[in-house]
PDB file of N, CA and C in Angstrom:
ATOM      1  N   MET A   1     -19.853  13.219 -14.685  1.00  0.00           N
ATOM      2  CA  MET A   1     -19.245  13.931 -13.479  1.00  0.00           C
ATOM      3  C   MET A   1     -17.879  13.236 -13.538  1.00  0.00           C
ATOM      4  N   LYS A   2     -16.708  13.574 -12.728  1.00  0.00           N
ATOM      5  CA  LYS A   2     -15.226  12.926 -13.355  1.00  0.00           C
ATOM      6  C   LYS A   2     -14.774  13.193 -12.198  1.00  0.00           C
ATOM      7  N   LEU A   3     -14.502  12.150 -11.445  1.00  0.00           N
ATOM      8  CA  LEU A   3     -13.434  11.707 -10.481  1.00  0.00           C
ATOM      9  C   LEU A   3     -11.978  11.375 -10.629  1.00  0.00           C
ATOM     10  N   THR A   4     -11.252  11.894 -10.045  1.00  0.00           N
ATOM     11  CA  THR A   4      -9.495  12.269 -10.232  1.00  0.00           C
ATOM     12  C   THR A   4      -8.589  11.991  -9.124  1.00  0.00           C
ATOM     13  N   SER A   5      -7.237  11.396  -8.959  1.00  0.00           N
ATOM     14  CA  SER A   5      -6.622  11.782  -7.894  1.00  0.00           C
ATOM     15  C   SER A   5      -5.297  11.963  -8.468  1.00  0.00           C
ATOM     16  N   GLY A   6      -4.625  12.976  -8.016  1.00  0.00           N
ATOM     17  CA  GLY A   6      -3.167  13.143  -8.362  1.00  0.00           C
ATOM     18  C   GLY A   6      -2.272  12.286  -7.883  1.00  0.00           C
ATOM     19  N   ALA A   7      -3.117  11.481  -7.235  1.00  0.00           N
ATOM     20  CA  ALA A   7      -2.233  10.059  -6.050  1.00  0.00           C
ATOM     21  C   ALA A   7      -2.084   8.335  -7.272  1.00  0.00           C
ATOM     22  N   PHE A   8      -2.738   8.892  -8.073  1.00  0.00           N
ATOM     23  CA  PHE A   8      -2.827   7.613  -9.145  1.00  0.00           C
ATOM     24  C   PHE A   8      -3.349   7.634 -10.445  1.00  0.00           C
ATOM     25  N   SER A   9      -3.634   7.120 -11.496  1.00  0.00           N
ATOM     26  CA  SER A   9      -3.990   7.271 -12.928  1.00  0.00           C
ATOM     27  C   SER A   9      -5.085   6.290 -12.759  1.00  0.00           C
ATOM     28  N   SER A  10      -6.508   6.409 -13.790  1.00  0.00           N
ATOM     29  CA  SER A  10      -7.493   5.313 -13.443  1.00  0.00           C
ATOM     30  C   SER A  10      -7.328   3.670 -14.457  1.00  0.00           C
ATOM     31  N   GLY A  11      -7.081   3.249 -13.873  1.00  0.00           N
ATOM     32  CA  GLY A  11      -6.801   1.869 -14.487  1.00  0.00           C
ATOM     33  C   GLY A  11      -5.359   1.345 -13.887  1.00  0.00           C
ATOM     34  N   HIS A  12      -4.935   2.108 -13.142  1.00  0.00           N
ATOM     35  CA  HIS A  12      -3.758   1.453 -12.231  1.00  0.00           C
ATOM     36  C   HIS A  12      -4.278   1.300 -10.866  1.00  0.00           C
ATOM     37  N   ALA A  13      -2.984   0.840 -10.462  1.00  0.00           N
ATOM     38  CA  ALA A  13      -3.365  -0.101  -9.031  1.00  0.00           C
ATOM     39  C   ALA A  13      -3.363   1.294  -8.378  1.00  0.00           C
ATOM     40  N   LEU A  14      -3.747   1.450  -7.073  1.00  0.00           N
ATOM     41  CA  LEU A  14      -3.436   2.121  -6.085  1.00  0.00           C
ATOM     42  C   LEU A  14      -1.936   2.136  -5.020  1.00  0.00           C
ATOM     43  N   PRO A  15      -1.460   3.513  -5.197  1.00  0.00           N
ATOM     44  CA  PRO A  15      -0.027   2.819  -4.809  1.00  0.00           C
ATOM     45  C   PRO A  15      -0.425   2.537  -3.178  1.00  0.00           C
ATOM     46  N   ARG A  16       0.918   2.091  -2.565  1.00  0.00           N
ATOM     47  CA  ARG A  16       0.920   0.790  -1.577  1.00  0.00           C
ATOM     48  C   ARG A  16       0.942   1.445  -0.080  1.00  0.00           C
ATOM     49  N   GLN A  17       1.415   3.309  -0.626  1.00  0.00           N
ATOM     50  CA  GLN A  17       0.719   3.412   1.330  1.00  0.00           C
ATOM     51  C   GLN A  17      -0.917   4.261   1.106  1.00  0.00           C
ATOM     52  N   PHE A  18      -1.484   3.786   0.424  1.00  0.00           N
ATOM     53  CA  PHE A  18      -2.896   4.005   0.329  1.00  0.00           C
ATOM     54  C   PHE A  18      -3.596   2.685   0.695  1.00  0.00           C
ATOM     55  N   THR A  19      -2.761   1.370   1.026  1.00  0.00           N
ATOM     56  CA  THR A  19      -3.329   0.363   0.954  1.00  0.00           C
ATOM     57  C   THR A  19      -3.169  -0.089   2.730  1.00  0.00           C
ATOM     58  N   CYS A  20      -3.804  -1.360   2.752  1.00  0.00           N
ATOM     59  CA  CYS A  20      -3.927  -2.101   4.290  1.00  0.00           C
ATOM     60  C   CYS A  20      -2.129  -2.512   4.228  1.00  0.00           C
ATOM     61  N   GLU A  21      -0.864  -2.184   3.706  1.00  0.00           N
ATOM     62  CA  GLU A  21       0.087  -3.048   3.331  1.00  0.00           C
ATOM     63  C   GLU A  21       1.377  -1.695   3.448  1.00  0.00           C
ATOM     64  N   GLY A  22       0.549  -0.752   2.992  1.00  0.00           N
ATOM     65  CA  GLY A  22       1.266   0.534   3.383  1.00  0.00           C
ATOM     66  C   GLY A  22       0.828   1.546   4.986  1.00  0.00           C
ATOM     67  N   GLU A  23       0.519   2.584   4.409  1.00  0.00           N
ATOM     68  CA  GLU A  23       0.268   3.713   5.710  1.00  0.00           C
ATOM     69  C   GLU A  23      -1.291   3.458   5.917  1.00  0.00           C
ATOM     70  N   ASP A  24      -2.508   2.626   5.028  1.00  0.00           N
ATOM     71  CA  ASP A  24      -3.531   2.536   5.264  1.00  0.00           C
ATOM     72  C   ASP A  24      -4.433   3.937   4.886  1.00  0.00           C
ATOM     73  N   ARG A  25      -3.784   4.561   4.019  1.00  0.00           N
ATOM     74  CA  ARG A  25      -4.541   6.080   4.142  1.00  0.00           C
ATOM     75  C   ARG A  25      -5.327   6.191   3.100  1.00  0.00           C
ATOM     76  N   SER A  26      -6.508   7.169   3.018  1.00  0.00           N
ATOM     77  CA  SER A  26      -7.015   7.678   2.126  1.00  0.00           C
ATOM     78  C   SER A  26      -6.698   8.341   0.744  1.00  0.00           C
ATOM     79  N   PRO A  27      -6.757   7.972  -0.510  1.00  0.00           N
ATOM     80  CA  PRO A  27      -6.276   8.772  -1.251  1.00  0.00           C
ATOM     81  C   PRO A  27      -6.836  10.054  -1.339  1.00  0.00           C
ATOM     82  N   PRO A  28      -5.769  10.826  -1.919  1.00  0.00           N
ATOM     83  CA  PRO A  28      -6.596  12.761  -2.459  1.00  0.00           C
ATOM     84  C   PRO A  28      -7.633  12.103  -3.349  1.00  0.00           C
ATOM     85  N   LEU A  29      -8.898  12.635  -3.455  1.00  0.00           N
ATOM     86  CA  LEU A  29      -9.977  12.672  -4.755  1.00  0.00           C
ATOM     87  C   LEU A  29     -10.324  13.621  -4.581  1.00  0.00           C
ATOM     88  N   ASP A  30     -10.788  14.138  -6.327  1.00  0.00           N
ATOM     89  CA  ASP A  30     -11.782  15.313  -6.763  1.00  0.00           C
ATOM     90  C   ASP A  30     -12.748  14.649  -7.494  1.00  0.00           C
ATOM     91  N   TRP A  31     -14.017  15.417  -7.327  1.00  0.00           N
ATOM     92  CA  TRP A  31     -14.699  15.012  -8.573  1.00  0.00           C
ATOM     93  C   TRP A  31     -14.950  16.468  -8.774  1.00  0.00           C
ATOM     94  N   THR A  32     -15.893  16.661 -10.153  1.00  0.00           N
ATOM     95  CA  THR A  32     -16.221  17.660 -11.006  1.00  0.00           C
ATOM     96  C   THR A  32     -17.098  17.052 -11.755  1.00  0.00           C
ATOM     97  N   GLY A  33     -17.916  18.358 -12.216  1.00  0.00           N
ATOM     98  CA  GLY A  33     -19.559  18.090 -12.909  1.00  0.00           C
ATOM     99  C   GLY A  33     -20.250  17.109 -12.322  1.00  0.00           C
ATOM    100  N   ALA A  34     -20.780  17.801 -11.245  1.00  0.00           N
ATOM    101  CA  ALA A  34     -22.047  17.376 -10.224  1.00  0.00           C
ATOM    102  C   ALA A  34     -22.994  18.164 -10.443  1.00  0.00           C
ATOM    103  N   PRO A  35     -24.384  18.027 -11.005  1.00  0.00           N
ATOM    104  CA  PRO A  35     -25.834  18.803 -11.145  1.00  0.00           C
ATOM    105  C   PRO A  35     -25.503  19.585 -10.247  1.00  0.00           C
ATOM    106  N   LYS A  36     -26.199  21.024 -10.937  1.00  0.00           N
ATOM    107  CA  LYS A  36     -26.475  21.570  -9.792  1.00  0.00           C
ATOM    108  C   LYS A  36     -27.423  21.338  -8.352  1.00  0.00           C
ATOM    109  N   GLU A  37     -28.230  20.781  -8.892  1.00  0.00           N
ATOM    110  CA  GLU A  37     -29.295  20.185  -7.926  1.00  0.00           C
ATOM    111  C   GLU A  37     -28.724  18.619  -6.780  1.00  0.00           C
ATOM    112  N   THR A  38     -27.729  18.113  -6.804  1.00  0.00           N
ATOM    113  CA  THR A  38     -27.121  17.465  -6.446  1.00  0.00           C
ATOM    114  C   THR A  38     -27.685  17.945  -4.229  1.00  0.00           C
ATOM    115  N   LYS A  39     -27.738  17.055  -4.001  1.00  0.00           N
ATOM    116  CA  LYS A  39     -27.982  17.236  -2.626  1.00  0.00           C
ATOM    117  C   LYS A  39     -27.262  16.348  -1.564  1.00  0.00           C
ATOM    118  N   SER A  40     -26.534  15.070  -2.506  1.00  0.00           N
ATOM    119  CA  SER A  40     -25.857  14.759  -1.154  1.00  0.00           C
ATOM    120  C   SER A  40     -24.788  13.740  -2.066  1.00  0.00           C
ATOM    121  N   PHE A  41     -23.758  13.382  -2.272  1.00  0.00           N
ATOM    122  CA  PHE A  41     -22.395  12.363  -2.718  1.00  0.00           C
ATOM    123  C   PHE A  41     -22.966  10.857  -1.961  1.00  0.00           C
ATOM    124  N   VAL A  42     -21.873   9.925  -3.298  1.00  0.00           N
ATOM    125  CA  VAL A  42     -21.274   8.646  -2.450  1.00  0.00           C
ATOM    126  C   VAL A  42     -20.419   8.050  -3.209  1.00  0.00           C
ATOM    127  N   LEU A  43     -19.618   7.562  -2.032  1.00  0.00           N
ATOM    128  CA  LEU A  43     -18.442   7.192  -3.410  1.00  0.00           C
ATOM    129  C   LEU A  43     -18.278   5.848  -2.514  1.00  0.00           C
ATOM    130  N   LEU A  44     -18.234   4.970  -3.970  1.00  0.00           N
ATOM    131  CA  LEU A  44     -17.910   3.514  -3.383  1.00  0.00           C
ATOM    132  C   LEU A  44     -16.469   2.921  -4.359  1.00  0.00           C
ATOM    133  N   VAL A  45     -15.821   2.617  -3.097  1.00  0.00           N
ATOM    134  CA  VAL A  45     -14.149   2.149  -3.883  1.00  0.00           C
ATOM    135  C   VAL A  45     -14.662   0.467  -3.571  1.00  0.00           C
ATOM    136  N   ASP A  46     -14.721   0.308  -5.421  1.00  0.00           N
ATOM    137  CA  ASP A  46     -14.335  -1.477  -5.164  1.00  0.00           C
ATOM    138  C   ASP A  46     -13.015  -2.115  -5.710  1.00  0.00           C
ATOM    139  N   ASP A  47     -12.979  -3.148  -5.802  1.00  0.00           N
ATOM    140  CA  ASP A  47     -11.747  -3.750  -6.233  1.00  0.00           C
ATOM    141  C   ASP A  47     -12.215  -4.836  -7.268  1.00  0.00           C
ATOM    142  N   ILE A  48     -12.401  -4.246  -8.524  1.00  0.00           N
ATOM    143  CA  ILE A  48     -13.031  -5.286  -9.384  1.00  0.00           C
ATOM    144  C   ILE A  48     -12.175  -6.600  -9.980  1.00  0.00           C
ATOM    145  N   ASP A  49     -11.618  -6.706  -9.348  1.00  0.00           N
ATOM    146  CA  ASP A  49     -10.579  -8.230  -9.764  1.00  0.00           C
ATOM    147  C   ASP A  49      -9.516  -8.723  -8.411  1.00  0.00           C
ATOM    148  N   ALA A  50     -10.615  -8.252  -7.577  1.00  0.00           N
ATOM    149  CA  ALA A  50     -10.467  -9.007  -5.639  1.00  0.00           C
ATOM    150  C   ALA A  50     -10.395 -10.581  -6.265  1.00  0.00           C
ATOM    151  N   PRO A  51      -9.481 -11.736  -5.716  1.00  0.00           N
ATOM    152  CA  PRO A  51      -9.749 -13.057  -6.045  1.00  0.00           C
ATOM    153  C   PRO A  51     -11.288 -13.077  -5.359  1.00  0.00           C
ATOM    154  N   GLY A  52     -12.089 -13.969  -5.847  1.00  0.00           N
ATOM    155  CA  GLY A  52     -13.833 -13.903  -5.652  1.00  0.00           C
ATOM    156  C   GLY A  52     -14.524 -13.860  -6.035  1.00  0.00           C
ATOM    157  N   GLY A  53     -14.245 -12.534  -7.004  1.00  0.00           N
ATOM    158  CA  GLY A  53     -14.484 -11.340  -7.278  1.00  0.00           C
ATOM    159  C   GLY A  53     -14.846  -9.553  -6.636  1.00  0.00           C
ATOM    160  N   VAL A  54     -15.738  -9.409  -7.331  1.00  0.00           N
ATOM    161  CA  VAL A  54     -15.761  -7.849  -7.131  1.00  0.00           C
ATOM    162  C   VAL A  54     -16.091  -7.688  -5.237  1.00  0.00           C
ATOM    163  N   PHE A  55     -14.413  -6.687  -4.384  1.00  0.00           N
ATOM    164  CA  PHE A  55     -14.864  -6.436  -3.233  1.00  0.00           C
ATOM    165  C   PHE A  55     -15.410  -4.735  -2.680  1.00  0.00           C
ATOM    166  N   ARG A  56     -16.003  -4.620  -2.169  1.00  0.00           N
ATOM    167  CA  ARG A  56     -16.091  -3.566  -2.026  1.00  0.00           C
ATOM    168  C   ARG A  56     -14.824  -2.991  -0.798  1.00  0.00           C
ATOM    169  N   HIS A  57     -13.934  -1.747  -0.754  1.00  0.00           N
ATOM    170  CA  HIS A  57     -13.748  -1.665   0.485  1.00  0.00           C
ATOM    171  C   HIS A  57     -13.679  -0.546   1.451  1.00  0.00           C
ATOM    172  N   TRP A  58     -14.839   0.667   0.089  1.00  0.00           N
ATOM    173  CA  TRP A  58     -15.070   1.581   0.825  1.00  0.00           C
ATOM    174  C   TRP A  58     -16.457   2.097   0.430  1.00  0.00           C
ATOM    175  N   ALA A  59     -17.356   2.767   1.565  1.00  0.00           N
ATOM    176  CA  ALA A  59     -18.931   3.314   0.729  1.00  0.00           C
ATOM    177  C   ALA A  59     -19.094   4.549   2.156  1.00  0.00           C
ATOM    178  N   CYS A  60     -18.731   5.536   1.297  1.00  0.00           N
ATOM    179  CA  CYS A  60     -19.362   6.859   2.038  1.00  0.00           C
ATOM    180  C   CYS A  60     -20.489   7.339   1.316  1.00  0.00           C
ATOM    181  N   TYR A  61     -21.581   7.640   2.204  1.00  0.00           N
ATOM    182  CA  TYR A  61     -22.566   8.106   1.829  1.00  0.00           C
ATOM    183  C   TYR A  61     -22.740   9.557   2.507  1.00  0.00           C
ATOM    184  N   ASP A  62     -23.772  10.343   2.258  1.00  0.00           N
ATOM    185  CA  ASP A  62     -24.257  11.246   2.941  1.00  0.00           C
ATOM    186  C   ASP A  62     -23.003  12.514   2.808  1.00  0.00           C
ATOM    187  N   ILE A  63     -22.228  12.244   1.779  1.00  0.00           N
ATOM    188  CA  ILE A  63     -20.998  13.497   1.331  1.00  0.00           C
ATOM    189  C   ILE A  63     -22.320  15.287   0.943  1.00  0.00           C
ATOM    190  N   PRO A  64     -21.390  16.012   2.144  1.00  0.00           N
ATOM    191  CA  PRO A  64     -22.241  16.888   1.320  1.00  0.00           C
ATOM    192  C   PRO A  64     -22.232  17.619  -0.081  1.00  0.00           C
ATOM    193  N   SER A  65     -23.228  18.755  -0.294  1.00  0.00           N
ATOM    194  CA  SER A  65     -23.274  19.007  -2.137  1.00  0.00           C
ATOM    195  C   SER A  65     -21.882  19.566  -1.905  1.00  0.00           C
ATOM    196  N   HIS A  66     -21.347  20.497  -0.747  1.00  0.00           N
ATOM    197  CA  HIS A  66     -20.456  21.264  -1.136  1.00  0.00           C
ATOM    198  C   HIS A  66     -19.074  21.105  -1.413  1.00  0.00           C
ATOM    199  N   HIS A  67     -19.097  19.707  -0.872  1.00  0.00           N
ATOM    200  CA  HIS A  67     -17.769  18.318  -0.946  1.00  0.00           C
ATOM    201  C   HIS A  67     -17.197  18.761  -2.425  1.00  0.00           C
ATOM    202  N   THR A  68     -16.177  19.055  -3.029  1.00  0.00           N
ATOM    203  CA  THR A  68     -16.101  18.589  -4.152  1.00  0.00           C
ATOM    204  C   THR A  68     -14.098  17.604  -4.383  1.00  0.00           C
ATOM    205  N   GLY A  69     -14.452  16.606  -3.169  1.00  0.00           N
ATOM    206  CA  GLY A  69     -13.231  15.929  -3.099  1.00  0.00           C
ATOM    207  C   GLY A  69     -12.609  15.762  -1.472  1.00  0.00           C
ATOM    208  N   LEU A  70     -11.608  14.982  -1.638  1.00  0.00           N
ATOM    209  CA  LEU A  70     -11.242  14.559  -0.382  1.00  0.00           C
ATOM    210  C   LEU A  70      -9.680  14.932  -0.118  1.00  0.00           C
ATOM    211  N   ILE A  71      -9.439  15.432   0.754  1.00  0.00           N
ATOM    212  CA  ILE A  71      -7.408  15.535   0.685  1.00  0.00           C
ATOM    213  C   ILE A  71      -7.152  13.865   1.233  1.00  0.00           C
ATOM    214  N   GLU A  72      -5.591  13.811   0.989  1.00  0.00           N
ATOM    215  CA  GLU A  72      -5.051  12.504   1.713  1.00  0.00           C
ATOM    216  C   GLU A  72      -5.248  12.350   2.837  1.00  0.00           C
ATOM    217  N   GLY A  73      -5.345  10.690   3.566  1.00  0.00           N
ATOM    218  CA  GLY A  73      -5.574  10.820   4.872  1.00  0.00           C
ATOM    219  C   GLY A  73      -7.200  11.209   5.558  1.00  0.00           C
ATOM    220  N   ALA A  74      -7.387  11.619   4.654  1.00  0.00           N
ATOM    221  CA  ALA A  74      -9.439  12.604   4.928  1.00  0.00           C
ATOM    222  C   ALA A  74      -9.884  11.319   5.890  1.00  0.00           C
ATOM    223  N   GLY A  75      -9.883  10.302   5.687  1.00  0.00           N
ATOM    224  CA  GLY A  75     -10.439   9.154   6.476  1.00  0.00           C
ATOM    225  C   GLY A  75     -11.908   9.267   6.297  1.00  0.00           C
ATOM    226  N   ARG A  76     -12.560   9.699   7.619  1.00  0.00           N
ATOM    227  CA  ARG A  76     -14.218   9.799   7.338  1.00  0.00           C
ATOM    228  C   ARG A  76     -14.275  11.203   8.182  1.00  0.00           C
ATOM    229  N   PRO A  77     -14.309  12.192   6.986  1.00  0.00           N
ATOM    230  CA  PRO A  77     -14.398  13.710   7.142  1.00  0.00           C
ATOM    231  C   PRO A  77     -15.756  13.983   7.940  1.00  0.00           C
ATOM    232  N   GLU A  78     -15.023  14.828   8.821  1.00  0.00           N
ATOM    233  CA  GLU A  78     -16.727  15.475   9.625  1.00  0.00           C
ATOM    234  C   GLU A  78     -18.284  15.373   8.361  1.00  0.00           C
ATOM    235  N   GLY A  79     -19.873  15.033   8.797  1.00  0.00           N
ATOM    236  CA  GLY A  79     -20.499  15.181   8.111  1.00  0.00           C
ATOM    237  C   GLY A  79     -20.679  14.247   7.029  1.00  0.00           C
ATOM    238  N   PHE A  80     -19.612  13.476   6.978  1.00  0.00           N
ATOM    239  CA  PHE A  80     -19.875  11.692   6.063  1.00  0.00           C
ATOM    240  C   PHE A  80     -20.584  10.930   7.192  1.00  0.00           C
ATOM    241  N   GLU A  81     -20.886  10.242   5.847  1.00  0.00           N
ATOM    242  CA  GLU A  81     -21.222   8.489   6.751  1.00  0.00           C
ATOM    243  C   GLU A  81     -20.396   7.602   6.042  1.00  0.00           C
ATOM    244  N   ASP A  82     -20.005   6.498   6.805  1.00  0.00           N
ATOM    245  CA  ASP A  82     -19.500   4.874   6.131  1.00  0.00           C
ATOM    246  C   ASP A  82     -19.510   4.142   6.544  1.00  0.00           C
ATOM    247  N   PHE A  83     -19.296   3.105   6.389  1.00  0.00           N
ATOM    248  CA  PHE A  83     -19.756   1.568   6.904  1.00  0.00           C
ATOM    249  C   PHE A  83     -18.855   1.078   7.977  1.00  0.00           C
ATOM    250  N   ARG A  84     -17.786   1.931   8.252  1.00  0.00           N
ATOM    251  CA  ARG A  84     -17.137   1.326   8.832  1.00  0.00           C
ATOM    252  C   ARG A  84     -17.673   1.413  10.221  1.00  0.00           C
ATOM    253  N   ARG A  85     -18.417   1.595  10.843  1.00  0.00           N
ATOM    254  CA  ARG A  85     -19.179   1.504  12.530  1.00  0.00           C
ATOM    255  C   ARG A  85     -19.298  -0.032  12.506  1.00  0.00           C
ATOM    256  N   TYR A  86     -19.823  -0.801  11.005  1.00  0.00           N
ATOM    257  CA  TYR A  86     -20.133  -2.258  11.234  1.00  0.00           C
ATOM    258  C   TYR A  86     -19.340  -2.783  11.079  1.00  0.00           C
ATOM    259  N   ARG A  87     -17.940  -2.647  11.171  1.00  0.00           N
ATOM    260  CA  ARG A  87     -16.841  -3.790  11.227  1.00  0.00           C
ATOM    261  C   ARG A  87     -16.289  -3.535  13.189  1.00  0.00           C
ATOM    262  N   ASP A  88     -15.436  -4.375  13.582  1.00  0.00           N
ATOM    263  CA  ASP A  88     -14.963  -3.931  14.421  1.00  0.00           C
ATOM    264  C   ASP A  88     -13.613  -3.591  15.206  1.00  0.00           C
ATOM    265  N   ARG A  89     -13.117  -2.725  13.472  1.00  0.00           N
ATOM    266  CA  ARG A  89     -11.852  -2.151  13.445  1.00  0.00           C
ATOM    267  C   ARG A  89     -11.769  -1.483  12.873  1.00  0.00           C
ATOM    268  N   GLU A  90     -11.002  -0.413  12.816  1.00  0.00           N
ATOM    269  CA  GLU A  90      -9.953   0.287  12.011  1.00  0.00           C
ATOM    270  C   GLU A  90      -9.565   0.141  10.637  1.00  0.00           C
ATOM    271  N   GLY A  91      -9.144   1.280   9.553  1.00  0.00           N
ATOM    272  CA  GLY A  91      -8.435   0.115   8.292  1.00  0.00           C
ATOM    273  C   GLY A  91      -9.294  -0.059   7.667  1.00  0.00           C
ATOM    274  N   SER A  92      -8.721  -0.365   6.246  1.00  0.00           N
ATOM    275  CA  SER A  92      -8.895  -1.063   5.252  1.00  0.00           C
ATOM    276  C   SER A  92      -9.025  -2.411   5.276  1.00  0.00           C
ATOM    277  N   PRO A  93     -10.374  -2.437   4.849  1.00  0.00           N
ATOM    278  CA  PRO A  93     -10.924  -3.883   4.741  1.00  0.00           C
ATOM    279  C   PRO A  93     -10.278  -4.929   3.363  1.00  0.00           C
ATOM    280  N   ARG A  94     -10.104  -5.529   4.081  1.00  0.00           N
ATOM    281  CA  ARG A  94      -8.655  -6.592   3.198  1.00  0.00           C
ATOM    282  C   ARG A  94      -9.936  -7.913   2.334  1.00  0.00           C
ATOM    283  N   PRO A  95      -9.487  -8.291   0.995  1.00  0.00           N
ATOM    284  CA  PRO A  95     -10.163  -9.613   0.185  1.00  0.00           C
ATOM    285  C   PRO A  95      -9.868 -10.429   1.344  1.00  0.00           C
ATOM    286  N   ALA A  96     -10.537 -11.244   1.012  1.00  0.00           N
ATOM    287  CA  ALA A  96      -9.968 -12.827   1.110  1.00  0.00           C
ATOM    288  C   ALA A  96      -9.250 -13.225  -0.122  1.00  0.00           C
ATOM    289  N   ILE A  97      -8.450 -13.462   0.477  1.00  0.00           N
ATOM    290  CA  ILE A  97      -6.741 -15.125   0.210  1.00  0.00           C
ATOM    291  C   ILE A  97      -7.519 -16.041  -0.771  1.00  0.00           C
ATOM    292  N   GLU A  98      -7.274 -15.897  -1.634  1.00  0.00           N
ATOM    293  CA  GLU A  98      -7.469 -17.357  -2.638  1.00  0.00           C
ATOM    294  C   GLU A  98      -7.408 -18.510  -2.134  1.00  0.00           C
ATOM    295  N   ARG A  99      -7.565 -19.150  -1.939  1.00  0.00           N
ATOM    296  CA  ARG A  99      -7.213 -21.216  -1.787  1.00  0.00           C
ATOM    297  C   ARG A  99      -7.651 -21.700  -2.662  1.00  0.00           C
TER     298      ARG A  99
END
């Protein structure tokens, strides 16, 4: 499978508008090459160089197999599940500040 975005390139920082310091919007994402037998997708968004180690910003699961991406600002589209309900607020999680 291949995951791409028209808003940023692999290996580069996420543009500010998609962070808690900007508009806090989800970026546009597209995926291709899933096996025909795919029943659903999982999307994990990790910051691999956050202070203190890898930090998970977003986790979506049960994404229906007919989806091939997310539009900008999609947040949590109908049919998706994510872990926001386990936090007491909306918006992007913020990594701990290194002290």
